[in-house]
Amino acid sequence: MMKKTVKITFVFILLISFMTFNTNQASASTKVMWGKTELKVGQIGKVTIVTNTSLWKLEKDNSLTKIRELKKGEEYRVYSYKSNNGGLYGVGGGAFIQKGAAIKYETPSKSKLTLLKQVIDGESPLEVISVE
């Protein structure tokens, strides 16, 4: 009798753990992709590098210090815009990309923003897909 109770308990615990794992995995994989990057809350746009260009740090005196070189085809989330130095797109961490022909700036579509809001609000993917 004791062995049967232990087996039933073990199966029950195993079943609960699988159900929990599948739920967590489904919610963790719900992302709103926009090109090569995931659309995030607070993001106002994205920059695609058309030709190699520099990533800059904006100093207190509004001068720019080069951080590194960005390669053609890379995409970066944009969180802010400053009109300093001909226009700077803030990509987070105090880093900026200078506005110009070397980059392409885009804003997310209303459908992408709606999709992101629905994912954040915890609506199911089927409900999200039917909205677009």
C-alpha atoms as a PDB file:
ATOM      1  CA  MET A   1       0.000   0.000   0.000  1.00  0.00           C
ATOM      2  CA  MET A   2       2.839   2.383   0.901  1.00  0.00           C
ATOM      3  CA  LYS A   3       4.602   1.791  -2.444  1.00  0.00           C
ATOM      4  CA  LYS A   4       1.395   2.556  -4.346  1.00  0.00           C
ATOM      5  CA  THR A   5       0.921   5.855  -2.448  1.00  0.00           C
ATOM      6  CA  VAL A   6       4.529   6.872  -3.159  1.00  0.00           C
ATOM      7  CA  LYS A   7       4.104   6.092  -6.882  1.00  0.00           C
ATOM      8  CA  ILE A   8       0.866   8.098  -7.122  1.00  0.00           C
ATOM      9  CA  THR A   9       2.460  11.033  -5.296  1.00  0.00           C
ATOM     10  CA  PHE A  10       5.501  10.904  -7.588  1.00  0.00           C
ATOM     11  CA  VAL A  11       3.323  10.871 -10.735  1.00  0.00           C
ATOM     12  CA  PHE A  12       1.247  13.767  -9.401  1.00  0.00           C
ATOM     13  CA  ILE A  13       4.356  15.880  -8.674  1.00  0.00           C
ATOM     14  CA  LEU A  14       5.792  15.049 -12.095  1.00  0.00           C
ATOM     15  CA  LEU A  15       2.543  16.066 -13.794  1.00  0.00           C
ATOM     16  CA  ILE A  16       2.422  19.387 -11.923  1.00  0.00           C
ATOM     17  CA  SER A  17       6.056  20.164 -12.810  1.00  0.00           C
ATOM     18  CA  PHE A  18       5.420  19.557 -16.533  1.00  0.00           C
ATOM     19  CA  MET A  19       2.364  21.812 -16.486  1.00  0.00           C
ATOM     20  CA  THR A  20       4.315  24.583 -14.759  1.00  0.00           C
ATOM     21  CA  PHE A  21       7.257  24.246 -17.155  1.00  0.00           C
ATOM     22  CA  ASN A  22       5.052  24.483 -20.267  1.00  0.00           C
ATOM     23  CA  THR A  23       3.225  27.564 -18.943  1.00  0.00           C
ATOM     24  CA  ASN A  24       6.469  29.384 -18.146  1.00  0.00           C
ATOM     25  CA  GLN A  25       8.001  28.432 -21.471  1.00  0.00           C
ATOM     26  CA  ALA A  26       5.010  29.755 -23.440  1.00  0.00           C
ATOM     27  CA  SER A  27       4.964  33.107 -21.653  1.00  0.00           C
ATOM     28  CA  ALA A  28       8.733  33.515 -21.953  1.00  0.00           C
ATOM     29  CA  SER A  29       8.674  32.945 -25.722  1.00  0.00           C
ATOM     30  CA  THR A  30       6.044  35.641 -26.421  1.00  0.00           C
ATOM     31  CA  LYS A  31       8.010  38.423 -28.080  1.00  0.00           C
ATOM     32  CA  VAL A  32       7.117  41.067 -30.608  1.00  0.00           C
ATOM     33  CA  MET A  33       9.828  40.964 -33.234  1.00  0.00           C
ATOM     34  CA  TRP A  34      10.492  43.947 -35.478  1.00  0.00           C
ATOM     35  CA  GLY A  35      13.060  43.025 -38.075  1.00  0.00           C
ATOM     36  CA  LYS A  36      16.094  41.553 -36.316  1.00  0.00           C
ATOM     37  CA  THR A  37      15.254  43.066 -32.916  1.00  0.00           C
ATOM     38  CA  GLU A  38      12.589  42.618 -30.281  1.00  0.00           C
ATOM     39  CA  LEU A  39      10.260  45.592 -29.798  1.00  0.00           C
ATOM     40  CA  LYS A  40      10.532  46.796 -26.185  1.00  0.00           C
ATOM     41  CA  VAL A  41       8.519  49.132 -23.965  1.00  0.00           C
ATOM     42  CA  GLY A  42       9.940  52.662 -24.151  1.00  0.00           C
ATOM     43  CA  GLN A  43      11.379  52.153 -27.611  1.00  0.00           C
ATOM     44  CA  ILE A  44      10.511  55.008 -30.005  1.00  0.00           C
ATOM     45  CA  GLY A  45      12.110  53.543 -33.136  1.00  0.00           C
ATOM     46  CA  LYS A  46      15.025  51.638 -34.579  1.00  0.00           C
ATOM     47  CA  VAL A  47      18.113  52.474 -36.573  1.00  0.00           C
ATOM     48  CA  THR A  48      19.433  50.221 -39.326  1.00  0.00           C
ATOM     49  CA  ILE A  49      23.062  50.785 -40.306  1.00  0.00           C
ATOM     50  CA  VAL A  50      23.233  51.368 -44.091  1.00  0.00           C
ATOM     51  CA  THR A  51      26.992  51.908 -44.241  1.00  0.00           C
ATOM     52  CA  ASN A  52      29.542  51.466 -41.463  1.00  0.00           C
ATOM     53  CA  THR A  53      29.279  54.323 -38.974  1.00  0.00           C
ATOM     54  CA  SER A  54      30.320  55.226 -35.429  1.00  0.00           C
ATOM     55  CA  LEU A  55      28.646  54.777 -32.070  1.00  0.00           C
ATOM     56  CA  TRP A  56      29.156  57.881 -29.922  1.00  0.00           C
ATOM     57  CA  LYS A  57      29.139  58.926 -26.285  1.00  0.00           C
ATOM     58  CA  LEU A  58      27.758  62.427 -25.669  1.00  0.00           C
ATOM     59  CA  GLU A  59      29.974  64.345 -23.251  1.00  0.00           C
ATOM     60  CA  LYS A  60      28.765  67.046 -20.839  1.00  0.00           C
ATOM     61  CA  ASP A  61      30.134  69.779 -23.120  1.00  0.00           C
ATOM     62  CA  ASN A  62      28.089  68.292 -26.027  1.00  0.00           C
ATOM     63  CA  SER A  63      31.205  66.924 -27.725  1.00  0.00           C
ATOM     64  CA  LEU A  64      31.203  63.364 -29.056  1.00  0.00           C
ATOM     65  CA  THR A  65      33.627  60.583 -28.137  1.00  0.00           C
ATOM     66  CA  LYS A  66      33.741  57.534 -30.401  1.00  0.00           C
ATOM     67  CA  ILE A  67      32.877  54.263 -28.638  1.00  0.00           C
ATOM     68  CA  ARG A  68      33.199  51.812 -31.537  1.00  0.00           C
ATOM     69  CA  GLU A  69      32.380  51.163 -35.200  1.00  0.00           C
ATOM     70  CA  LEU A  70      28.928  49.833 -36.173  1.00  0.00           C
ATOM     71  CA  LYS A  71      28.675  47.482 -39.146  1.00  0.00           C
ATOM     72  CA  LYS A  72      26.341  47.623 -42.141  1.00  0.00           C
ATOM     73  CA  GLY A  73      23.102  45.670 -41.594  1.00  0.00           C
ATOM     74  CA  GLU A  74      23.039  45.902 -37.786  1.00  0.00           C
ATOM     75  CA  GLU A  75      19.871  47.163 -36.096  1.00  0.00           C
ATOM     76  CA  TYR A  76      19.599  49.090 -32.812  1.00  0.00           C
ATOM     77  CA  ARG A  77      16.640  50.095 -30.672  1.00  0.00           C
ATOM     78  CA  VAL A  78      16.169  53.857 -30.262  1.00  0.00           C
ATOM     79  CA  TYR A  79      14.923  55.188 -26.928  1.00  0.00           C
ATOM     80  CA  SER A  80      15.497  58.946 -27.304  1.00  0.00           C
ATOM     81  CA  TYR A  81      16.389  61.710 -29.733  1.00  0.00           C
ATOM     82  CA  LYS A  82      18.558  64.792 -29.155  1.00  0.00           C
ATOM     83  CA  SER A  83      18.910  67.631 -31.636  1.00  0.00           C
ATOM     84  CA  ASN A  84      22.574  68.165 -30.619  1.00  0.00           C
ATOM     85  CA  ASN A  85      25.312  67.744 -33.248  1.00  0.00           C
ATOM     86  CA  GLY A  86      22.905  67.473 -36.190  1.00  0.00           C
ATOM     87  CA  GLY A  87      20.671  64.914 -34.494  1.00  0.00           C
ATOM     88  CA  LEU A  88      21.495  61.987 -32.228  1.00  0.00           C
ATOM     89  CA  TYR A  89      19.487  58.800 -31.703  1.00  0.00           C
ATOM     90  CA  GLY A  90      19.868  57.450 -28.160  1.00  0.00           C
ATOM     91  CA  VAL A  91      20.321  53.675 -28.181  1.00  0.00           C
ATOM     92  CA  GLY A  92      20.713  53.216 -24.422  1.00  0.00           C
ATOM     93  CA  GLY A  93      23.630  53.141 -22.029  1.00  0.00           C
ATOM     94  CA  GLY A  94      24.612  56.720 -22.856  1.00  0.00           C
ATOM     95  CA  ALA A  95      25.382  55.754 -26.467  1.00  0.00           C
ATOM     96  CA  PHE A  96      24.179  57.625 -29.558  1.00  0.00           C
ATOM     97  CA  ILE A  97      24.119  57.193 -33.316  1.00  0.00           C
ATOM     98  CA  GLN A  98      24.451  60.351 -35.373  1.00  0.00           C
ATOM     99  CA  LYS A  99      21.653  61.148 -37.832  1.00  0.00           C
ATOM    100  CA  GLY A 100      22.752  60.990 -41.460  1.00  0.00           C
ATOM    101  CA  ALA A 101      22.891  59.034 -44.710  1.00  0.00           C
ATOM    102  CA  ALA A 102      24.756  56.139 -43.044  1.00  0.00           C
ATOM    103  CA  ILE A 103      21.647  55.110 -41.118  1.00  0.00           C
ATOM    104  CA  LYS A 104      17.944  54.505 -41.678  1.00  0.00           C
ATOM    105  CA  TYR A 105      15.588  55.505 -38.846  1.00  0.00           C
ATOM    106  CA  GLU A 106      12.113  53.964 -38.567  1.00  0.00           C
ATOM    107  CA  THR A 107       9.268  54.149 -36.062  1.00  0.00           C
ATOM    108  CA  PRO A 108       7.171  51.098 -35.156  1.00  0.00           C
ATOM    109  CA  SER A 109       3.823  50.676 -36.901  1.00  0.00           C
ATOM    110  CA  LYS A 110       0.603  51.075 -34.929  1.00  0.00           C
ATOM    111  CA  SER A 111      -0.082  47.353 -35.351  1.00  0.00           C
ATOM    112  CA  LYS A 112       3.311  46.483 -33.782  1.00  0.00           C
ATOM    113  CA  LEU A 113       2.654  48.850 -30.868  1.00  0.00           C
ATOM    114  CA  THR A 114      -0.819  47.352 -30.372  1.00  0.00           C
ATOM    115  CA  LEU A 115       0.661  43.862 -30.448  1.00  0.00           C
ATOM    116  CA  LEU A 116       3.293  44.834 -27.850  1.00  0.00           C
ATOM    117  CA  LYS A 117       0.641  46.319 -25.570  1.00  0.00           C
ATOM    118  CA  GLN A 118      -1.458  43.171 -25.796  1.00  0.00           C
ATOM    119  CA  VAL A 119       1.513  40.929 -25.018  1.00  0.00           C
ATOM    120  CA  ILE A 120       2.361  43.086 -21.997  1.00  0.00           C
ATOM    121  CA  ASP A 121      -1.251  43.013 -20.830  1.00  0.00           C
ATOM    122  CA  GLY A 122      -1.091  39.207 -20.878  1.00  0.00           C
ATOM    123  CA  GLU A 123      -3.571  38.523 -23.654  1.00  0.00           C
ATOM    124  CA  SER A 124      -3.200  35.176 -25.409  1.00  0.00           C
ATOM    125  CA  PRO A 125      -1.315  35.022 -28.736  1.00  0.00           C
ATOM    126  CA  LEU A 126      -4.518  33.984 -30.529  1.00  0.00           C
ATOM    127  CA  GLU A 127      -6.254  37.156 -29.356  1.00  0.00           C
ATOM    128  CA  VAL A 128      -3.228  39.194 -30.376  1.00  0.00           C
ATOM    129  CA  ILE A 129      -3.056  37.712 -33.868  1.00  0.00           C
ATOM    130  CA  SER A 130      -6.751  38.319 -34.540  1.00  0.00           C
ATOM    131  CA  VAL A 131      -6.415  42.054 -33.770  1.00  0.00           C
ATOM    132  CA  GLU A 132      -4.092  42.850 -36.679  1.00  0.00           C
END
